[in-house]
Amino acid sequence: MVTRGGDTVNHILVADTHDNLLFFTSTGKVYCIKCYEVPQDSSRTAKGIALVNLLPIDLEDEVTVLLAI
């Protein structure tokens, strides 16, 4: 899996298209989006996009937990 710069893959999550993704941050905020709102790139060499492009998250805030429900 290809990453950008110093990025690392910490978790891989299996979810259905209509599942909700809950992102819990280090400051106690929770963000919710549907799986189908995450851009899909089926290429193995895809680098993906930053979470700040999907969520209104502060740059200094970190996602600590991710749940699919």
C-alpha atoms as a PDB file:
ATOM      1  CA  MET A   1       0.000   0.000   0.000  1.00  0.00           C
ATOM      2  CA  VAL A   2       1.527   3.310  -1.092  1.00  0.00           C
ATOM      3  CA  THR A   3       1.432   6.296   1.284  1.00  0.00           C
ATOM      4  CA  ARG A   4       2.469   9.925   1.143  1.00  0.00           C
ATOM      5  CA  GLY A   5       5.513  11.215   2.988  1.00  0.00           C
ATOM      6  CA  GLY A   6       5.545  10.035   6.596  1.00  0.00           C
ATOM      7  CA  ASP A   7       1.996   8.637   6.545  1.00  0.00           C
ATOM      8  CA  THR A   8       1.385   5.130   7.842  1.00  0.00           C
ATOM      9  CA  VAL A   9      -1.529   2.706   7.592  1.00  0.00           C
ATOM     10  CA  ASN A  10      -2.652   1.931  11.151  1.00  0.00           C
ATOM     11  CA  HIS A  11      -5.952   0.147  10.537  1.00  0.00           C
ATOM     12  CA  ILE A  12      -7.960  -1.361   7.735  1.00  0.00           C
ATOM     13  CA  LEU A  13     -11.706  -1.381   8.279  1.00  0.00           C
ATOM     14  CA  VAL A  14     -14.328  -3.437   6.454  1.00  0.00           C
ATOM     15  CA  ALA A  15     -17.716  -1.720   6.155  1.00  0.00           C
ATOM     16  CA  ASP A  16     -20.822  -1.703   3.972  1.00  0.00           C
ATOM     17  CA  THR A  17     -21.659   1.214   1.687  1.00  0.00           C
ATOM     18  CA  HIS A  18     -24.474   2.546   3.869  1.00  0.00           C
ATOM     19  CA  ASP A  19     -22.668   2.122   7.197  1.00  0.00           C
ATOM     20  CA  ASN A  20     -21.920   5.213   9.246  1.00  0.00           C
ATOM     21  CA  LEU A  21     -18.283   5.953   9.975  1.00  0.00           C
ATOM     22  CA  LEU A  22     -17.746   7.561  13.375  1.00  0.00           C
ATOM     23  CA  PHE A  23     -14.465   9.408  13.852  1.00  0.00           C
ATOM     24  CA  PHE A  24     -13.605  10.170  17.494  1.00  0.00           C
ATOM     25  CA  THR A  25     -10.912  12.808  18.010  1.00  0.00           C
ATOM     26  CA  SER A  26      -8.411  13.493  20.768  1.00  0.00           C
ATOM     27  CA  THR A  27     -10.403  16.581  21.814  1.00  0.00           C
ATOM     28  CA  GLY A  28     -13.619  14.587  22.304  1.00  0.00           C
ATOM     29  CA  LYS A  29     -15.370  15.541  19.074  1.00  0.00           C
ATOM     30  CA  VAL A  30     -17.195  12.936  16.978  1.00  0.00           C
ATOM     31  CA  TYR A  31     -17.718  13.236  13.227  1.00  0.00           C
ATOM     32  CA  CYS A  32     -20.085  11.007  11.261  1.00  0.00           C
ATOM     33  CA  ILE A  33     -20.137  10.351   7.513  1.00  0.00           C
ATOM     34  CA  LYS A  34     -21.581   7.591   5.335  1.00  0.00           C
ATOM     35  CA  CYS A  35     -19.155   5.136   3.740  1.00  0.00           C
ATOM     36  CA  TYR A  36     -20.338   6.103   0.266  1.00  0.00           C
ATOM     37  CA  GLU A  37     -19.148   9.682   0.949  1.00  0.00           C
ATOM     38  CA  VAL A  38     -15.542   8.460   1.078  1.00  0.00           C
ATOM     39  CA  PRO A  39     -13.996   8.685  -2.401  1.00  0.00           C
ATOM     40  CA  GLN A  40     -13.222   5.254  -3.798  1.00  0.00           C
ATOM     41  CA  ASP A  41     -10.126   4.511  -5.815  1.00  0.00           C
ATOM     42  CA  SER A  42      -9.814   0.854  -6.715  1.00  0.00           C
ATOM     43  CA  SER A  43      -6.172   1.081  -7.701  1.00  0.00           C
ATOM     44  CA  ARG A  44      -3.660  -0.679  -5.428  1.00  0.00           C
ATOM     45  CA  THR A  45      -1.265   2.229  -5.893  1.00  0.00           C
ATOM     46  CA  ALA A  46      -3.787   4.921  -4.915  1.00  0.00           C
ATOM     47  CA  LYS A  47      -2.477   7.261  -2.229  1.00  0.00           C
ATOM     48  CA  GLY A  48      -5.866   8.347  -0.882  1.00  0.00           C
ATOM     49  CA  ILE A  49      -6.790  11.750   0.532  1.00  0.00           C
ATOM     50  CA  ALA A  50      -6.321  13.485   3.871  1.00  0.00           C
ATOM     51  CA  LEU A  51      -9.132  13.377   6.449  1.00  0.00           C
ATOM     52  CA  VAL A  52      -9.182  17.171   6.574  1.00  0.00           C
ATOM     53  CA  ASN A  53     -10.668  16.988   3.060  1.00  0.00           C
ATOM     54  CA  LEU A  54     -13.578  14.840   4.318  1.00  0.00           C
ATOM     55  CA  LEU A  55     -14.204  16.222   7.811  1.00  0.00           C
ATOM     56  CA  PRO A  56     -14.182  19.704   9.346  1.00  0.00           C
ATOM     57  CA  ILE A  57     -11.356  18.583  11.633  1.00  0.00           C
ATOM     58  CA  ASP A  58      -8.682  20.906  13.016  1.00  0.00           C
ATOM     59  CA  LEU A  59      -5.153  20.270  11.760  1.00  0.00           C
ATOM     60  CA  GLU A  60      -3.825  19.754  15.299  1.00  0.00           C
ATOM     61  CA  ASP A  61      -6.652  17.340  16.214  1.00  0.00           C
ATOM     62  CA  GLU A  62      -6.055  13.583  15.803  1.00  0.00           C
ATOM     63  CA  VAL A  63      -8.529  10.792  15.129  1.00  0.00           C
ATOM     64  CA  THR A  64      -8.113   8.283  17.950  1.00  0.00           C
ATOM     65  CA  VAL A  65     -10.959   5.841  17.201  1.00  0.00           C
ATOM     66  CA  LEU A  66     -12.834   4.886  14.031  1.00  0.00           C
ATOM     67  CA  LEU A  67     -16.031   2.813  14.164  1.00  0.00           C
ATOM     68  CA  ALA A  68     -18.309   1.526  11.418  1.00  0.00           C
ATOM     69  CA  ILE A  69     -21.920   1.092  12.533  1.00  0.00           C
END
